[in-house]
Amino acid sequence: METVLGKQLCKENISLLASTADKTNSLQLRQACIDFLRNLFNKKEGFPDEELDKFDAKFLKDLFCQALNN
């Protein structure tokens, strides 16, 4: 199920699926969400600032750390 959801990621559902991954301890889906956002940022595609408020602080910290270390 995590793999299927990970393939459905888009800007419109990323915050919901990231939150769901954290609540259900779905590590594979959580990583897919982080990878999706990293790829989005690397492509310099726009992402609404207000959407960032929907992410958990730990998720954003992990995203930032992975982006810096890879």
Protein backbone atom coordinates (compact mmCIF):
# COMPACT_ATOMS: atom_id res chain seq x y z
CA MET A 1 0.00 0.00 0.00
CA GLU A 2 2.86 2.40 0.81
CA THR A 3 4.35 1.83 -2.64
CA VAL A 4 1.03 2.54 -4.36
CA LEU A 5 0.49 5.75 -2.38
CA GLY A 6 4.09 6.80 -2.98
CA LYS A 7 3.49 6.63 -6.73
CA GLN A 8 0.42 8.86 -6.38
CA LEU A 9 2.29 11.79 -4.79
CA CYS A 10 1.61 15.25 -6.18
CA LYS A 11 1.69 18.83 -4.89
CA GLU A 12 -1.99 18.62 -3.99
CA ASN A 13 -1.70 15.57 -1.70
CA ILE A 14 1.85 15.64 -0.38
CA SER A 15 1.04 17.23 2.98
CA LEU A 16 -1.84 14.81 3.59
CA LEU A 17 0.22 11.75 2.68
CA ALA A 18 3.21 12.93 4.72
CA SER A 19 0.94 13.39 7.73
CA THR A 20 -0.66 9.99 7.14
CA ALA A 21 2.76 8.36 6.88
CA ASP A 22 3.80 9.84 10.23
CA LYS A 23 0.54 8.88 11.96
CA THR A 24 0.68 5.30 10.68
CA ASN A 25 4.45 4.86 11.04
CA SER A 26 4.73 4.16 7.31
CA LEU A 27 8.44 4.66 6.85
CA GLN A 28 8.50 3.83 3.14
CA LEU A 29 5.72 6.33 2.38
CA ARG A 30 7.38 8.96 4.59
CA GLN A 31 10.64 8.58 2.68
CA ALA A 32 8.76 8.74 -0.63
CA CYS A 33 7.26 12.06 0.53
CA ILE A 34 10.68 13.41 1.45
CA ASP A 35 12.11 12.27 -1.89
CA PHE A 36 9.20 13.85 -3.76
CA LEU A 37 9.75 17.22 -2.08
CA ARG A 38 13.51 17.08 -2.56
CA ASN A 39 13.02 16.42 -6.27
CA LEU A 40 10.48 19.22 -6.48
CA PHE A 41 12.89 21.66 -4.83
CA ASN A 42 15.81 20.48 -6.98
CA LYS A 43 13.77 21.21 -10.10
CA LYS A 44 13.11 24.68 -8.66
CA GLU A 45 9.38 24.19 -9.09
CA GLY A 46 7.18 26.45 -7.05
CA PHE A 47 5.56 25.26 -3.84
CA PRO A 48 3.14 27.45 -1.86
CA ASP A 49 4.55 28.75 1.41
CA GLU A 50 1.25 28.15 3.18
CA GLU A 51 1.53 24.45 2.36
CA LEU A 52 4.73 24.20 4.41
CA ASP A 53 2.72 25.04 7.53
CA LYS A 54 0.86 21.76 7.10
CA PHE A 55 3.99 19.66 7.63
CA ASP A 56 5.12 18.36 11.00
CA ALA A 57 8.29 20.05 12.32
CA LYS A 58 10.16 16.72 12.54
CA PHE A 59 9.25 15.94 8.93
CA LEU A 60 10.60 19.30 7.77
CA LYS A 61 13.76 18.82 9.85
CA ASP A 62 14.34 15.40 8.29
CA LEU A 63 13.70 16.81 4.82
CA PHE A 64 16.19 19.60 5.41
CA CYS A 65 18.84 17.27 6.86
CA GLN A 66 18.55 14.81 3.98
CA ALA A 67 18.71 17.62 1.44
CA LEU A 68 21.94 18.89 2.99
CA ASN A 69 23.56 15.48 3.32
CA ASN A 70 22.89 14.13 -0.17
